[in-house]
Amino acid sequence: MRLRDAVDSARRQGACQAVAPDWPTLGLRQIDSALGPIPPGTVGLLGAATGCGKSSIMLWAALNSPSAGIVSLEDGPLVIGTRALSLASGIDARRMLTGLDEDERERVEHAEQRLSQLDYPVVEVAVGADTMAVEMAVDKLAQAGCRTIWLDYLQKVRPGEDAPEDRRTAINVLWAALQRAAIRHEVVIVGISQLGRNAQEGEPNLHSFKESGDLENECRFALLAHKSVDSPTVVLTVAKGLFGGVGVQMVFERVDGSLKPVW
């Protein structure tokens, strides 16, 4: 490929036009505004410590994006469906498993009706999948029309038979596969990653990712979530951005067991 071919590709996909290009969005209003249109072919990260709510943030974003897909490596349909109903109805997910009163049942029914009208997000459950299966799942979602694809989460990918035994190297092999898929399908992929033990308390930084030293260098944008010390909120911060936006934050509060943005 010559440089002018890359320039032609940028122009073809909407760069340098009178209006902003119709590129994928994450579904996170403040974060999308800070990052600007995210070029197709981009792979980014969302990192959070265990129990911080990274899957809930992902699901909120996917429900508020026009064309999102999810590759779930951790949860099956029951958990994902319950969380979606919780976000849409405002009812604690635990209540749905222990019994609802009449008002709550009505709220859940309305939420189910709204969700049934959505074409997206498209969910591909791939619990126990290896790198090749994950890449195939991404291919399937892209072919279904998804333009932003979330991978929940990187450390859950099972190394294939021929994969390196070293976990850090195996994650790098997966990351390269995601980069290929993002470019091939002209989509944005967001890999969710756990943070290391050093980030369980306080505000994390780019070096807080597990397998640090590789992921934060390879990603084109990085979002870090942490629990606020002074209030029952989760703060999502842009730690790295391809075209800027570093330091911009979006705050979520925990309402009835679910995370909701503080507008």
C-alpha atoms as a PDB file:
ATOM      1  CA  MET A   1       0.000   0.000   0.000  1.00  0.00           C
ATOM      2  CA  ARG A   2       1.254   3.465  -0.877  1.00  0.00           C
ATOM      3  CA  LEU A   3       0.720   6.512   1.305  1.00  0.00           C
ATOM      4  CA  ARG A   4      -1.763   7.955  -1.153  1.00  0.00           C
ATOM      5  CA  ASP A   5      -3.809   4.767  -0.771  1.00  0.00           C
ATOM      6  CA  ALA A   6      -4.046   5.426   2.969  1.00  0.00           C
ATOM      7  CA  VAL A   7      -5.043   9.034   2.278  1.00  0.00           C
ATOM      8  CA  ASP A   8      -7.703   7.835  -0.172  1.00  0.00           C
ATOM      9  CA  SER A   9      -9.005   5.460   2.497  1.00  0.00           C
ATOM     10  CA  ALA A  10      -9.282   8.296   5.018  1.00  0.00           C
ATOM     11  CA  ARG A  11     -11.166  10.466   2.533  1.00  0.00           C
ATOM     12  CA  ARG A  12     -13.407   7.582   1.507  1.00  0.00           C
ATOM     13  CA  GLN A  13     -14.402   6.977   5.105  1.00  0.00           C
ATOM     14  CA  GLY A  14     -15.382  10.596   5.681  1.00  0.00           C
ATOM     15  CA  ALA A  15     -12.279  12.410   6.912  1.00  0.00           C
ATOM     16  CA  CYS A  16     -11.734  16.069   5.949  1.00  0.00           C
ATOM     17  CA  GLN A  17     -15.365  16.677   5.005  1.00  0.00           C
ATOM     18  CA  ALA A  18     -17.559  19.666   5.805  1.00  0.00           C
ATOM     19  CA  VAL A  19     -19.357  17.673   8.510  1.00  0.00           C
ATOM     20  CA  ALA A  20     -18.053  15.180  11.051  1.00  0.00           C
ATOM     21  CA  PRO A  21     -17.666  11.695   9.582  1.00  0.00           C
ATOM     22  CA  ASP A  22     -20.266   9.071  10.429  1.00  0.00           C
ATOM     23  CA  TRP A  23     -17.830   6.974  12.403  1.00  0.00           C
ATOM     24  CA  PRO A  24     -18.626   4.556  15.249  1.00  0.00           C
ATOM     25  CA  THR A  25     -19.418   5.865  18.729  1.00  0.00           C
ATOM     26  CA  LEU A  26     -19.107   4.194  22.108  1.00  0.00           C
ATOM     27  CA  GLY A  27     -22.502   5.228  23.465  1.00  0.00           C
ATOM     28  CA  LEU A  28     -20.917   7.197  26.336  1.00  0.00           C
ATOM     29  CA  ARG A  29     -21.936  10.796  25.699  1.00  0.00           C
ATOM     30  CA  GLN A  30     -19.183  12.705  27.507  1.00  0.00           C
ATOM     31  CA  ILE A  31     -16.495  10.257  26.449  1.00  0.00           C
ATOM     32  CA  ASP A  32     -17.602  10.311  22.806  1.00  0.00           C
ATOM     33  CA  SER A  33     -17.506  14.124  22.834  1.00  0.00           C
ATOM     34  CA  ALA A  34     -14.002  14.084  24.287  1.00  0.00           C
ATOM     35  CA  LEU A  35     -12.541  11.459  21.959  1.00  0.00           C
ATOM     36  CA  GLY A  36     -14.251  12.862  18.887  1.00  0.00           C
ATOM     37  CA  PRO A  37     -15.258  10.538  16.055  1.00  0.00           C
ATOM     38  CA  ILE A  38     -13.283   7.310  16.500  1.00  0.00           C
ATOM     39  CA  PRO A  39     -11.744   6.129  13.215  1.00  0.00           C
ATOM     40  CA  PRO A  40     -12.851   2.681  12.017  1.00  0.00           C
ATOM     41  CA  GLY A  41     -10.047   0.183  12.521  1.00  0.00           C
ATOM     42  CA  THR A  42      -9.299   1.441  16.037  1.00  0.00           C
ATOM     43  CA  VAL A  43      -8.830  -0.815  19.062  1.00  0.00           C
ATOM     44  CA  GLY A  44      -9.172   0.661  22.554  1.00  0.00           C
ATOM     45  CA  LEU A  45      -9.348  -0.410  26.182  1.00  0.00           C
ATOM     46  CA  LEU A  46     -11.653  -0.057  29.138  1.00  0.00           C
ATOM     47  CA  GLY A  47      -9.982  -1.024  32.387  1.00  0.00           C
ATOM     48  CA  ALA A  48     -11.361  -1.404  35.899  1.00  0.00           C
ATOM     49  CA  ALA A  49     -10.634  -3.283  39.084  1.00  0.00           C
ATOM     50  CA  THR A  50     -12.693  -6.305  40.069  1.00  0.00           C
ATOM     51  CA  GLY A  51     -16.223  -5.355  41.166  1.00  0.00           C
ATOM     52  CA  CYS A  52     -16.002  -1.819  39.810  1.00  0.00           C
ATOM     53  CA  GLY A  53     -18.786  -2.304  37.266  1.00  0.00           C
ATOM     54  CA  LYS A  54     -16.912  -2.566  33.981  1.00  0.00           C
ATOM     55  CA  SER A  55     -19.489  -4.948  32.472  1.00  0.00           C
ATOM     56  CA  SER A  56     -22.350  -2.647  33.523  1.00  0.00           C
ATOM     57  CA  ILE A  57     -20.626   0.350  31.913  1.00  0.00           C
ATOM     58  CA  MET A  58     -20.119  -1.683  28.745  1.00  0.00           C
ATOM     59  CA  LEU A  59     -23.775  -2.737  28.652  1.00  0.00           C
ATOM     60  CA  TRP A  60     -24.966   0.829  29.237  1.00  0.00           C
ATOM     61  CA  ALA A  61     -22.751   2.019  26.392  1.00  0.00           C
ATOM     62  CA  ALA A  62     -23.914  -0.743  24.052  1.00  0.00           C
ATOM     63  CA  LEU A  63     -27.580   0.013  24.770  1.00  0.00           C
ATOM     64  CA  ASN A  64     -26.975   3.653  23.902  1.00  0.00           C
ATOM     65  CA  SER A  65     -24.998   3.062  20.708  1.00  0.00           C
ATOM     66  CA  PRO A  66     -26.699   2.799  17.289  1.00  0.00           C
ATOM     67  CA  SER A  67     -24.787  -0.303  16.211  1.00  0.00           C
ATOM     68  CA  ALA A  68     -22.998  -2.091  19.053  1.00  0.00           C
ATOM     69  CA  GLY A  69     -22.026  -5.701  19.520  1.00  0.00           C
ATOM     70  CA  ILE A  70     -20.755  -7.636  22.532  1.00  0.00           C
ATOM     71  CA  VAL A  71     -18.553 -10.713  22.684  1.00  0.00           C
ATOM     72  CA  SER A  72     -19.208 -12.067  26.176  1.00  0.00           C
ATOM     73  CA  LEU A  73     -16.451 -14.290  27.500  1.00  0.00           C
ATOM     74  CA  GLU A  74     -17.695 -14.270  31.084  1.00  0.00           C
ATOM     75  CA  ASP A  75     -21.510 -14.208  31.266  1.00  0.00           C
ATOM     76  CA  GLY A  76     -24.272 -16.170  29.599  1.00  0.00           C
ATOM     77  CA  PRO A  77     -27.696 -15.004  28.368  1.00  0.00           C
ATOM     78  CA  LEU A  78     -29.339 -15.099  31.827  1.00  0.00           C
ATOM     79  CA  VAL A  79     -26.877 -12.669  33.395  1.00  0.00           C
ATOM     80  CA  ILE A  80     -26.707 -10.384  30.362  1.00  0.00           C
ATOM     81  CA  GLY A  81     -30.489 -10.302  29.971  1.00  0.00           C
ATOM     82  CA  THR A  82     -31.067  -9.620  33.654  1.00  0.00           C
ATOM     83  CA  ARG A  83     -28.554  -6.778  33.648  1.00  0.00           C
ATOM     84  CA  ALA A  84     -30.128  -5.256  30.538  1.00  0.00           C
ATOM     85  CA  LEU A  85     -33.585  -5.363  32.115  1.00  0.00           C
ATOM     86  CA  SER A  86     -32.159  -3.831  35.279  1.00  0.00           C
ATOM     87  CA  LEU A  87     -30.601  -0.940  33.376  1.00  0.00           C
ATOM     88  CA  ALA A  88     -33.760  -0.349  31.343  1.00  0.00           C
ATOM     89  CA  SER A  89     -36.187  -0.604  34.270  1.00  0.00           C
ATOM     90  CA  GLY A  90     -34.109   0.840  37.101  1.00  0.00           C
ATOM     91  CA  ILE A  91     -34.807  -2.219  39.261  1.00  0.00           C
ATOM     92  CA  ASP A  92     -32.020  -3.967  41.127  1.00  0.00           C
ATOM     93  CA  ALA A  93     -30.988  -7.095  39.230  1.00  0.00           C
ATOM     94  CA  ARG A  94     -31.028  -9.065  42.478  1.00  0.00           C
ATOM     95  CA  ARG A  95     -34.709  -8.224  42.937  1.00  0.00           C
ATOM     96  CA  MET A  96     -35.511  -9.891  39.634  1.00  0.00           C
ATOM     97  CA  LEU A  97     -34.179 -13.164  40.987  1.00  0.00           C
ATOM     98  CA  THR A  98     -35.900 -12.963  44.376  1.00  0.00           C
ATOM     99  CA  GLY A  99     -39.410 -11.794  43.424  1.00  0.00           C
ATOM    100  CA  LEU A 100     -41.015  -8.555  42.226  1.00  0.00           C
ATOM    101  CA  ASP A 101     -44.098  -6.700  43.396  1.00  0.00           C
ATOM    102  CA  GLU A 102     -46.829  -5.630  40.956  1.00  0.00           C
ATOM    103  CA  ASP A 103     -45.337  -2.187  40.240  1.00  0.00           C
ATOM    104  CA  GLU A 104     -41.889  -3.673  39.606  1.00  0.00           C
ATOM    105  CA  ARG A 105     -43.309  -6.327  37.280  1.00  0.00           C
ATOM    106  CA  GLU A 106     -45.001  -3.607  35.252  1.00  0.00           C
ATOM    107  CA  ARG A 107     -41.758  -1.658  34.997  1.00  0.00           C
ATOM    108  CA  VAL A 108     -39.909  -4.756  33.834  1.00  0.00           C
ATOM    109  CA  GLU A 109     -42.568  -5.475  31.200  1.00  0.00           C
ATOM    110  CA  HIS A 110     -42.242  -1.926  29.825  1.00  0.00           C
ATOM    111  CA  ALA A 111     -38.459  -2.290  29.792  1.00  0.00           C
ATOM    112  CA  GLU A 112     -38.719  -5.616  27.969  1.00  0.00           C
ATOM    113  CA  GLN A 113     -40.956  -4.024  25.323  1.00  0.00           C
ATOM    114  CA  ARG A 114     -38.468  -1.211  24.758  1.00  0.00           C
ATOM    115  CA  LEU A 115     -35.523  -3.576  24.513  1.00  0.00           C
ATOM    116  CA  SER A 116     -37.365  -5.869  22.109  1.00  0.00           C
ATOM    117  CA  GLN A 117     -37.601  -2.985  19.643  1.00  0.00           C
ATOM    118  CA  LEU A 118     -33.824  -2.513  19.490  1.00  0.00           C
ATOM    119  CA  ASP A 119     -31.796  -3.964  16.635  1.00  0.00           C
ATOM    120  CA  TYR A 120     -28.639  -3.537  18.738  1.00  0.00           C
ATOM    121  CA  PRO A 121     -26.690  -4.550  20.710  1.00  0.00           C
ATOM    122  CA  VAL A 122     -26.022  -7.958  19.183  1.00  0.00           C
ATOM    123  CA  VAL A 123     -24.558 -10.379  21.716  1.00  0.00           C
ATOM    124  CA  GLU A 124     -22.304 -13.304  20.929  1.00  0.00           C
ATOM    125  CA  VAL A 125     -21.703 -15.541  23.956  1.00  0.00           C
ATOM    126  CA  ALA A 126     -18.240 -17.100  23.731  1.00  0.00           C
ATOM    127  CA  VAL A 127     -17.485 -18.360  27.229  1.00  0.00           C
ATOM    128  CA  GLY A 128     -14.339 -20.492  27.161  1.00  0.00           C
ATOM    129  CA  ALA A 129     -13.380 -19.318  23.662  1.00  0.00           C
ATOM    130  CA  ASP A 130      -9.808 -19.183  22.419  1.00  0.00           C
ATOM    131  CA  THR A 131      -8.242 -16.470  20.280  1.00  0.00           C
ATOM    132  CA  MET A 132      -9.398 -17.969  16.981  1.00  0.00           C
ATOM    133  CA  ALA A 133     -12.989 -18.328  18.229  1.00  0.00           C
ATOM    134  CA  VAL A 134     -12.992 -14.757  19.506  1.00  0.00           C
ATOM    135  CA  GLU A 135     -11.811 -13.456  16.127  1.00  0.00           C
ATOM    136  CA  MET A 136     -14.590 -15.467  14.461  1.00  0.00           C
ATOM    137  CA  ALA A 137     -17.132 -13.979  16.898  1.00  0.00           C
ATOM    138  CA  VAL A 138     -15.930 -10.474  16.016  1.00  0.00           C
ATOM    139  CA  ASP A 139     -16.250 -11.342  12.312  1.00  0.00           C
ATOM    140  CA  LYS A 140     -19.829 -12.517  12.904  1.00  0.00           C
ATOM    141  CA  LEU A 141     -20.824  -9.318  14.744  1.00  0.00           C
ATOM    142  CA  ALA A 142     -19.234  -7.092  12.101  1.00  0.00           C
ATOM    143  CA  GLN A 143     -21.074  -8.975   9.359  1.00  0.00           C
ATOM    144  CA  ALA A 144     -24.312  -8.435  11.332  1.00  0.00           C
ATOM    145  CA  GLY A 145     -23.778  -4.678  11.062  1.00  0.00           C
ATOM    146  CA  CYS A 146     -22.100  -3.897  14.383  1.00  0.00           C
ATOM    147  CA  ARG A 147     -19.704  -0.966  14.144  1.00  0.00           C
ATOM    148  CA  THR A 148     -18.563  -0.879  17.777  1.00  0.00           C
ATOM    149  CA  ILE A 149     -17.701  -4.245  19.311  1.00  0.00           C
ATOM    150  CA  TRP A 150     -16.977  -4.820  23.003  1.00  0.00           C
ATOM    151  CA  LEU A 151     -14.936  -7.778  24.244  1.00  0.00           C
ATOM    152  CA  ASP A 152     -15.737  -8.715  27.857  1.00  0.00           C
ATOM    153  CA  TYR A 153     -13.009  -9.400  28.895  1.00  0.00           C
ATOM    154  CA  LEU A 154      -9.443  -9.925  27.654  1.00  0.00           C
ATOM    155  CA  GLN A 155      -8.150 -12.071  30.505  1.00  0.00           C
ATOM    156  CA  LYS A 156     -10.986 -14.570  29.987  1.00  0.00           C
ATOM    157  CA  VAL A 157      -9.767 -15.635  26.549  1.00  0.00           C
ATOM    158  CA  ARG A 158      -8.479 -19.198  26.628  1.00  0.00           C
ATOM    159  CA  PRO A 159      -5.117 -19.737  24.941  1.00  0.00           C
ATOM    160  CA  GLY A 160      -5.356 -22.043  21.928  1.00  0.00           C
ATOM    161  CA  GLU A 161      -3.461 -25.303  21.600  1.00  0.00           C
ATOM    162  CA  ASP A 162      -0.596 -23.639  19.745  1.00  0.00           C
ATOM    163  CA  ALA A 163      -0.672 -20.430  21.826  1.00  0.00           C
ATOM    164  CA  PRO A 164       2.306 -19.341  23.938  1.00  0.00           C
ATOM    165  CA  GLU A 165       2.213 -20.584  27.513  1.00  0.00           C
ATOM    166  CA  ASP A 166       3.236 -17.170  28.801  1.00  0.00           C
ATOM    167  CA  ARG A 167       0.000 -15.298  29.596  1.00  0.00           C
ATOM    168  CA  ARG A 168       1.378 -11.895  28.647  1.00  0.00           C
ATOM    169  CA  THR A 169       2.450 -13.144  25.224  1.00  0.00           C
ATOM    170  CA  ALA A 170      -0.922 -14.838  24.743  1.00  0.00           C
ATOM    171  CA  ILE A 171      -2.712 -11.527  25.407  1.00  0.00           C
ATOM    172  CA  ASN A 172      -0.489  -9.859  22.812  1.00  0.00           C
ATOM    173  CA  VAL A 173      -1.443 -12.542  20.258  1.00  0.00           C
ATOM    174  CA  LEU A 174      -5.120 -11.850  20.994  1.00  0.00           C
ATOM    175  CA  TRP A 175      -4.574  -8.100  20.692  1.00  0.00           C
ATOM    176  CA  ALA A 176      -2.981  -8.505  17.275  1.00  0.00           C
ATOM    177  CA  ALA A 177      -6.001 -10.570  16.177  1.00  0.00           C
ATOM    178  CA  LEU A 178      -8.339  -7.790  17.341  1.00  0.00           C
ATOM    179  CA  GLN A 179      -6.318  -5.201  15.434  1.00  0.00           C
ATOM    180  CA  ARG A 180      -6.555  -7.267  12.262  1.00  0.00           C
ATOM    181  CA  ALA A 181     -10.302  -7.709  12.685  1.00  0.00           C
ATOM    182  CA  ALA A 182     -10.889  -3.995  13.377  1.00  0.00           C
ATOM    183  CA  ILE A 183      -9.050  -2.984  10.200  1.00  0.00           C
ATOM    184  CA  ARG A 184     -10.569  -5.765   8.113  1.00  0.00           C
ATOM    185  CA  HIS A 185     -14.148  -4.825   8.999  1.00  0.00           C
ATOM    186  CA  GLU A 186     -13.596  -1.074   9.560  1.00  0.00           C
ATOM    187  CA  VAL A 187     -15.052  -1.250  13.063  1.00  0.00           C
ATOM    188  CA  VAL A 188     -14.024  -0.038  16.519  1.00  0.00           C
ATOM    189  CA  ILE A 189     -13.214  -2.738  19.071  1.00  0.00           C
ATOM    190  CA  VAL A 190     -13.042  -2.079  22.812  1.00  0.00           C
ATOM    191  CA  GLY A 191     -11.335  -4.738  24.892  1.00  0.00           C
ATOM    192  CA  ILE A 192     -12.238  -4.755  28.573  1.00  0.00           C
ATOM    193  CA  SER A 193      -9.346  -5.536  30.879  1.00  0.00           C
ATOM    194  CA  GLN A 194      -8.924  -6.137  34.557  1.00  0.00           C
ATOM    195  CA  LEU A 195      -6.478  -3.951  36.394  1.00  0.00           C
ATOM    196  CA  GLY A 196      -3.645  -5.269  38.499  1.00  0.00           C
ATOM    197  CA  ARG A 197      -3.725  -5.623  42.255  1.00  0.00           C
ATOM    198  CA  ASN A 198      -1.915  -2.317  42.620  1.00  0.00           C
ATOM    199  CA  ALA A 199      -5.039  -0.562  41.291  1.00  0.00           C
ATOM    200  CA  GLN A 200      -7.614  -2.018  43.680  1.00  0.00           C
ATOM    201  CA  GLU A 201      -7.657   1.207  45.677  1.00  0.00           C
ATOM    202  CA  GLY A 202      -7.384   4.804  44.523  1.00  0.00           C
ATOM    203  CA  GLU A 203      -7.327   6.213  41.031  1.00  0.00           C
ATOM    204  CA  PRO A 204      -5.622   3.964  38.444  1.00  0.00           C
ATOM    205  CA  ASN A 205      -3.285   5.026  35.654  1.00  0.00           C
ATOM    206  CA  LEU A 206      -2.142   3.587  32.343  1.00  0.00           C
ATOM    207  CA  HIS A 207       0.346   1.316  34.080  1.00  0.00           C
ATOM    208  CA  SER A 208      -2.416  -0.294  36.167  1.00  0.00           C
ATOM    209  CA  PHE A 209      -3.500  -2.749  33.458  1.00  0.00           C
ATOM    210  CA  LYS A 210      -2.722  -6.407  33.839  1.00  0.00           C
ATOM    211  CA  GLU A 211       0.003  -7.275  31.346  1.00  0.00           C
ATOM    212  CA  SER A 212       1.050  -3.621  31.679  1.00  0.00           C
ATOM    213  CA  GLY A 213       3.756  -2.512  29.265  1.00  0.00           C
ATOM    214  CA  ASP A 214       1.969  -3.839  26.216  1.00  0.00           C
ATOM    215  CA  LEU A 215      -1.735  -3.045  26.314  1.00  0.00           C
ATOM    216  CA  GLU A 216      -1.392   0.633  27.198  1.00  0.00           C
ATOM    217  CA  ASN A 217       1.147   1.111  24.403  1.00  0.00           C
ATOM    218  CA  GLU A 218      -0.842  -0.767  21.763  1.00  0.00           C
ATOM    219  CA  CYS A 219      -4.296   0.736  22.400  1.00  0.00           C
ATOM    220  CA  ARG A 220      -5.377   3.907  20.599  1.00  0.00           C
ATOM    221  CA  PHE A 221      -7.572   5.049  23.472  1.00  0.00           C
ATOM    222  CA  ALA A 222      -7.914   3.922  27.072  1.00  0.00           C
ATOM    223  CA  LEU A 223     -10.706   4.451  29.587  1.00  0.00           C
ATOM    224  CA  LEU A 224     -10.127   3.743  33.274  1.00  0.00           C
ATOM    225  CA  ALA A 225     -12.896   3.292  35.826  1.00  0.00           C
ATOM    226  CA  HIS A 226     -12.524   3.520  39.589  1.00  0.00           C
ATOM    227  CA  LYS A 227     -14.787   3.822  42.600  1.00  0.00           C
ATOM    228  CA  SER A 228     -14.967   7.250  44.169  1.00  0.00           C
ATOM    229  CA  VAL A 229     -13.719   7.431  47.745  1.00  0.00           C
ATOM    230  CA  ASP A 230     -16.179  10.087  48.917  1.00  0.00           C
ATOM    231  CA  SER A 231     -19.403   8.900  47.266  1.00  0.00           C
ATOM    232  CA  PRO A 232     -21.061   5.716  45.886  1.00  0.00           C
ATOM    233  CA  THR A 233     -20.069   6.582  42.343  1.00  0.00           C
ATOM    234  CA  VAL A 234     -17.807   5.167  39.655  1.00  0.00           C
ATOM    235  CA  VAL A 235     -15.660   7.594  37.689  1.00  0.00           C
ATOM    236  CA  LEU A 236     -14.714   6.791  34.092  1.00  0.00           C
ATOM    237  CA  THR A 237     -11.685   8.741  32.870  1.00  0.00           C
ATOM    238  CA  VAL A 238     -10.064   9.098  29.453  1.00  0.00           C
ATOM    239  CA  ALA A 239      -6.469   8.078  30.185  1.00  0.00           C
ATOM    240  CA  LYS A 240      -5.343   8.022  26.544  1.00  0.00           C
ATOM    241  CA  GLY A 241      -6.866   9.358  23.348  1.00  0.00           C
ATOM    242  CA  LEU A 242      -5.768   9.120  19.739  1.00  0.00           C
ATOM    243  CA  PHE A 243      -6.872  12.702  19.065  1.00  0.00           C
ATOM    244  CA  GLY A 244      -6.991  14.067  22.615  1.00  0.00           C
ATOM    245  CA  GLY A 245      -9.598  14.168  25.363  1.00  0.00           C
ATOM    246  CA  VAL A 246      -7.249  12.954  28.097  1.00  0.00           C
ATOM    247  CA  GLY A 247      -8.583  13.735  31.564  1.00  0.00           C
ATOM    248  CA  VAL A 248     -12.247  14.013  30.602  1.00  0.00           C
ATOM    249  CA  GLN A 249     -14.476  12.119  33.004  1.00  0.00           C
ATOM    250  CA  MET A 250     -17.935  10.568  33.074  1.00  0.00           C
ATOM    251  CA  VAL A 251     -19.514   9.751  36.423  1.00  0.00           C
ATOM    252  CA  PHE A 252     -21.832   6.830  37.136  1.00  0.00           C
ATOM    253  CA  GLU A 253     -23.856   6.353  40.306  1.00  0.00           C
ATOM    254  CA  ARG A 254     -25.147   3.068  41.657  1.00  0.00           C
ATOM    255  CA  VAL A 255     -28.946   3.147  41.757  1.00  0.00           C
ATOM    256  CA  ASP A 256     -30.857   0.058  42.875  1.00  0.00           C
ATOM    257  CA  GLY A 257     -27.843  -2.089  42.159  1.00  0.00           C
ATOM    258  CA  SER A 258     -27.246  -0.744  38.642  1.00  0.00           C
ATOM    259  CA  LEU A 259     -24.855   1.900  37.353  1.00  0.00           C
ATOM    260  CA  LYS A 260     -26.465   4.961  35.784  1.00  0.00           C
ATOM    261  CA  PRO A 261     -24.704   8.047  34.367  1.00  0.00           C
ATOM    262  CA  VAL A 262     -24.845  11.283  36.302  1.00  0.00           C
ATOM    263  CA  TRP A 263     -25.800  13.698  33.515  1.00  0.00           C
END
